[in-house]
C-alpha cells in the first residue's frame, strides 16, 4: 500500500504522543513518511520516545508540553515555527 501513497514531505502534530493512541498515531504517521512533532507532559517520556523512534529511523521531534495551558500552547507554536519554517 505504501507504493500507492505516502506522507513524505508532510508534517504532523500529535498531542499525547508517548502513550496509547497518541503513540500509535506518531508511529503510523512517521511510518508513512511524515515528519512528526509530538508532545506529552512528561519530559522524560518525551525524550525516551523521541530517542527510540529516531533509532528506528523515523523523523520525529518531541516537545514536553501541557496543551491544556495557554502558555504551553504558545511555546508549542514557537517550536512548530522553528522546526517547520515552511508552515
N, C-alpha and C. Protein backbone atom coordinates (compact mmCIF):
# COMPACT_ATOMS: atom_id res chain seq x y z
N UNK A 1 0.82 -1.20 0.00
CA UNK A 1 0.00 0.00 0.00
C UNK A 1 0.87 1.26 0.00
N UNK A 2 2.06 1.19 0.63
CA UNK A 2 2.92 2.36 0.67
C UNK A 2 3.33 2.80 -0.73
N UNK A 3 3.32 1.88 -1.68
CA UNK A 3 3.64 2.24 -3.05
C UNK A 3 2.57 3.12 -3.67
N UNK A 4 1.36 3.07 -3.15
CA UNK A 4 0.26 3.87 -3.70
C UNK A 4 0.29 5.31 -3.23
N UNK A 5 0.59 5.52 -1.96
CA UNK A 5 0.61 6.89 -1.43
C UNK A 5 1.59 6.98 -0.26
N UNK A 6 1.95 8.19 0.04
CA UNK A 6 2.93 8.43 1.08
C UNK A 6 2.65 9.77 1.76
N UNK A 7 3.22 9.95 2.92
CA UNK A 7 3.13 11.23 3.61
C UNK A 7 4.48 11.95 3.59
N UNK A 8 5.39 11.51 2.75
CA UNK A 8 6.69 12.17 2.59
C UNK A 8 6.47 13.64 2.29
N UNK A 9 7.24 14.50 2.94
CA UNK A 9 7.12 15.94 2.72
C UNK A 9 5.99 16.59 3.51
N UNK A 10 5.28 15.81 4.29
CA UNK A 10 4.17 16.34 5.10
C UNK A 10 4.61 16.44 6.56
N UNK A 11 3.92 17.28 7.31
CA UNK A 11 4.19 17.46 8.72
C UNK A 11 2.94 17.09 9.52
N UNK A 12 3.16 16.60 10.72
CA UNK A 12 2.04 16.25 11.59
C UNK A 12 2.37 16.66 13.02
N UNK A 13 1.34 17.01 13.76
CA UNK A 13 1.44 17.32 15.18
C UNK A 13 0.53 16.36 15.93
N UNK A 14 1.08 15.68 16.93
CA UNK A 14 0.30 14.74 17.72
C UNK A 14 0.49 15.09 19.20
N UNK A 15 -0.61 15.31 19.90
CA UNK A 15 -0.53 15.53 21.34
C UNK A 15 -0.72 14.20 22.05
N UNK A 16 -0.13 14.08 23.22
CA UNK A 16 -0.21 12.82 23.95
C UNK A 16 0.51 11.71 23.22
N UNK A 17 1.66 12.04 22.62
CA UNK A 17 2.33 11.12 21.70
C UNK A 17 3.23 10.07 22.30
N UNK A 18 3.24 9.92 23.62
CA UNK A 18 4.13 8.91 24.21
C UNK A 18 3.40 7.65 24.68
N UNK A 19 2.08 7.67 24.68
CA UNK A 19 1.33 6.53 25.18
C UNK A 19 0.08 6.29 24.34
N UNK A 20 -0.39 5.08 24.39
CA UNK A 20 -1.68 4.72 23.82
C UNK A 20 -1.89 5.11 22.37
N UNK A 21 -3.06 5.69 22.11
CA UNK A 21 -3.43 6.06 20.74
C UNK A 21 -2.51 7.14 20.17
N UNK A 22 -2.08 8.06 21.02
CA UNK A 22 -1.17 9.10 20.55
C UNK A 22 0.13 8.52 20.04
N UNK A 23 0.67 7.59 20.79
CA UNK A 23 1.92 6.93 20.38
C UNK A 23 1.71 6.16 19.08
N UNK A 24 0.60 5.46 18.99
CA UNK A 24 0.29 4.72 17.76
C UNK A 24 0.18 5.67 16.57
N UNK A 25 -0.40 6.84 16.77
CA UNK A 25 -0.52 7.82 15.69
C UNK A 25 0.85 8.32 15.25
N UNK A 26 1.73 8.61 16.22
CA UNK A 26 3.08 9.06 15.89
C UNK A 26 3.78 8.00 15.04
N UNK A 27 3.73 6.76 15.47
CA UNK A 27 4.40 5.68 14.76
C UNK A 27 3.80 5.47 13.37
N UNK A 28 2.50 5.55 13.27
CA UNK A 28 1.84 5.36 11.98
C UNK A 28 2.16 6.48 11.00
N UNK A 29 2.01 7.72 11.45
CA UNK A 29 2.28 8.86 10.57
C UNK A 29 3.75 8.88 10.15
N UNK A 30 4.65 8.65 11.10
CA UNK A 30 6.07 8.62 10.76
C UNK A 30 6.39 7.44 9.85
N UNK A 31 5.72 6.34 10.06
CA UNK A 31 5.91 5.16 9.22
C UNK A 31 5.52 5.40 7.77
N UNK A 32 4.55 6.27 7.58
CA UNK A 32 4.13 6.62 6.22
C UNK A 32 4.97 7.76 5.64
N UNK A 33 5.96 8.22 6.41
CA UNK A 33 6.90 9.19 5.88
C UNK A 33 6.75 10.61 6.36
N UNK A 34 5.76 10.89 7.19
CA UNK A 34 5.58 12.26 7.69
C UNK A 34 6.66 12.59 8.71
N UNK A 35 7.00 13.86 8.80
CA UNK A 35 7.85 14.35 9.88
C UNK A 35 6.89 14.76 10.99
N UNK A 36 7.08 14.22 12.18
CA UNK A 36 6.09 14.36 13.24
C UNK A 36 6.67 15.10 14.44
N UNK A 37 5.94 16.11 14.89
CA UNK A 37 6.21 16.76 16.17
C UNK A 37 5.17 16.21 17.14
N UNK A 38 5.63 15.61 18.23
CA UNK A 38 4.69 15.08 19.21
C UNK A 38 4.96 15.71 20.57
N UNK A 39 3.91 15.76 21.37
CA UNK A 39 4.00 16.35 22.70
C UNK A 39 3.47 15.38 23.75
N UNK A 40 3.89 15.62 24.96
CA UNK A 40 3.34 14.96 26.14
C UNK A 40 3.80 15.79 27.33
N UNK A 41 3.16 15.61 28.44
CA UNK A 41 3.50 16.41 29.62
C UNK A 41 4.80 15.98 30.28
N UNK A 42 5.11 14.70 30.25
CA UNK A 42 6.28 14.16 30.94
C UNK A 42 7.51 14.27 30.04
N UNK A 43 8.42 15.17 30.40
CA UNK A 43 9.60 15.42 29.59
C UNK A 43 10.49 14.21 29.42
N UNK A 44 10.64 13.41 30.45
CA UNK A 44 11.48 12.21 30.35
C UNK A 44 10.88 11.20 29.37
N UNK A 45 9.56 11.03 29.41
CA UNK A 45 8.91 10.12 28.47
C UNK A 45 9.04 10.63 27.03
N UNK A 46 8.95 11.95 26.85
CA UNK A 46 9.11 12.54 25.52
C UNK A 46 10.52 12.25 25.01
N UNK A 47 11.51 12.49 25.84
CA UNK A 47 12.90 12.27 25.46
C UNK A 47 13.14 10.81 25.09
N UNK A 48 12.65 9.89 25.90
CA UNK A 48 12.83 8.46 25.63
C UNK A 48 12.13 8.03 24.34
N UNK A 49 10.90 8.50 24.14
CA UNK A 49 10.16 8.13 22.93
C UNK A 49 10.84 8.70 21.68
N UNK A 50 11.29 9.94 21.78
CA UNK A 50 11.97 10.56 20.63
C UNK A 50 13.24 9.77 20.27
N UNK A 51 14.01 9.41 21.26
CA UNK A 51 15.24 8.65 21.03
C UNK A 51 14.94 7.30 20.38
N UNK A 52 13.95 6.60 20.92
CA UNK A 52 13.59 5.28 20.38
C UNK A 52 13.10 5.37 18.94
N UNK A 53 12.25 6.34 18.68
CA UNK A 53 11.69 6.49 17.33
C UNK A 53 12.76 6.91 16.32
N UNK A 54 13.66 7.78 16.72
CA UNK A 54 14.75 8.16 15.82
C UNK A 54 15.66 6.98 15.53
N UNK A 55 15.90 6.14 16.55
CA UNK A 55 16.71 4.94 16.35
C UNK A 55 16.06 4.03 15.31
N UNK A 56 14.75 4.04 15.27
CA UNK A 56 14.02 3.23 14.29
C UNK A 56 13.96 3.89 12.92
N UNK A 57 14.55 5.08 12.80
CA UNK A 57 14.63 5.74 11.50
C UNK A 57 13.53 6.74 11.20
N UNK A 58 12.70 7.05 12.19
CA UNK A 58 11.61 7.99 11.97
C UNK A 58 12.08 9.43 12.15
N UNK A 59 11.47 10.34 11.39
CA UNK A 59 11.74 11.77 11.52
C UNK A 59 10.74 12.34 12.52
N UNK A 60 11.16 12.45 13.77
CA UNK A 60 10.29 12.91 14.84
C UNK A 60 10.98 13.95 15.70
N UNK A 61 10.18 14.76 16.34
CA UNK A 61 10.64 15.77 17.28
C UNK A 61 9.69 15.73 18.47
N UNK A 62 10.23 15.60 19.66
CA UNK A 62 9.40 15.57 20.86
C UNK A 62 9.54 16.87 21.64
N UNK A 63 8.42 17.37 22.14
CA UNK A 63 8.40 18.58 22.95
C UNK A 63 7.54 18.31 24.18
N UNK A 64 8.12 18.51 25.36
CA UNK A 64 7.34 18.39 26.59
C UNK A 64 6.43 19.61 26.68
N UNK A 65 5.13 19.35 26.76
CA UNK A 65 4.17 20.45 26.76
C UNK A 65 2.84 19.98 27.32
N UNK A 66 2.22 20.82 28.14
CA UNK A 66 0.87 20.56 28.65
C UNK A 66 -0.07 21.46 27.86
N UNK A 67 -0.70 20.90 26.83
CA UNK A 67 -1.51 21.72 25.93
C UNK A 67 -2.80 22.23 26.56
N UNK A 68 -3.06 21.87 27.82
CA UNK A 68 -4.23 22.44 28.49
C UNK A 68 -3.94 23.85 28.99
N UNK A 69 -2.67 24.26 28.94
CA UNK A 69 -2.26 25.59 29.41
C UNK A 69 -1.89 26.49 28.23
N UNK A 70 -2.43 27.71 28.22
CA UNK A 70 -2.19 28.63 27.11
C UNK A 70 -0.70 28.90 26.89
N UNK A 71 0.05 29.13 27.95
CA UNK A 71 1.48 29.41 27.82
C UNK A 71 2.22 28.24 27.16
N UNK A 72 1.82 27.04 27.50
CA UNK A 72 2.44 25.85 26.90
C UNK A 72 2.06 25.72 25.43
N UNK A 73 0.82 26.05 25.09
CA UNK A 73 0.42 26.02 23.68
C UNK A 73 1.21 27.05 22.88
N UNK A 74 1.44 28.23 23.46
CA UNK A 74 2.23 29.25 22.79
C UNK A 74 3.65 28.76 22.54
N UNK A 75 4.23 28.10 23.54
CA UNK A 75 5.58 27.53 23.40
C UNK A 75 5.61 26.48 22.29
N UNK A 76 4.56 25.69 22.22
CA UNK A 76 4.46 24.66 21.19
C UNK A 76 4.40 25.28 19.79
N UNK A 77 3.63 26.34 19.64
CA UNK A 77 3.53 27.03 18.35
C UNK A 77 4.90 27.58 17.94
N UNK A 78 5.65 28.12 18.90
CA UNK A 78 7.01 28.60 18.60
C UNK A 78 7.88 27.45 18.13
N UNK A 79 7.76 26.30 18.77
CA UNK A 79 8.53 25.12 18.36
C UNK A 79 8.18 24.71 16.94
N UNK A 80 6.90 24.77 16.62
CA UNK A 80 6.47 24.43 15.26
C UNK A 80 7.13 25.31 14.23
N UNK A 81 7.14 26.62 14.50
CA UNK A 81 7.73 27.57 13.56
C UNK A 81 9.22 27.34 13.38
N UNK A 82 9.91 26.98 14.45
CA UNK A 82 11.34 26.73 14.37
C UNK A 82 11.67 25.43 13.65
N UNK A 83 10.87 24.41 13.87
CA UNK A 83 11.13 23.11 13.27
C UNK A 83 10.64 23.01 11.83
N UNK A 84 9.52 23.67 11.57
CA UNK A 84 8.90 23.57 10.25
C UNK A 84 8.67 24.97 9.67
N UNK A 85 9.72 25.63 9.24
CA UNK A 85 9.57 27.02 8.77
C UNK A 85 8.69 27.16 7.54
N UNK A 86 8.44 26.08 6.82
CA UNK A 86 7.59 26.16 5.62
C UNK A 86 6.11 26.29 5.96
N UNK A 87 5.74 26.08 7.23
CA UNK A 87 4.32 26.14 7.61
C UNK A 87 3.82 27.57 7.63
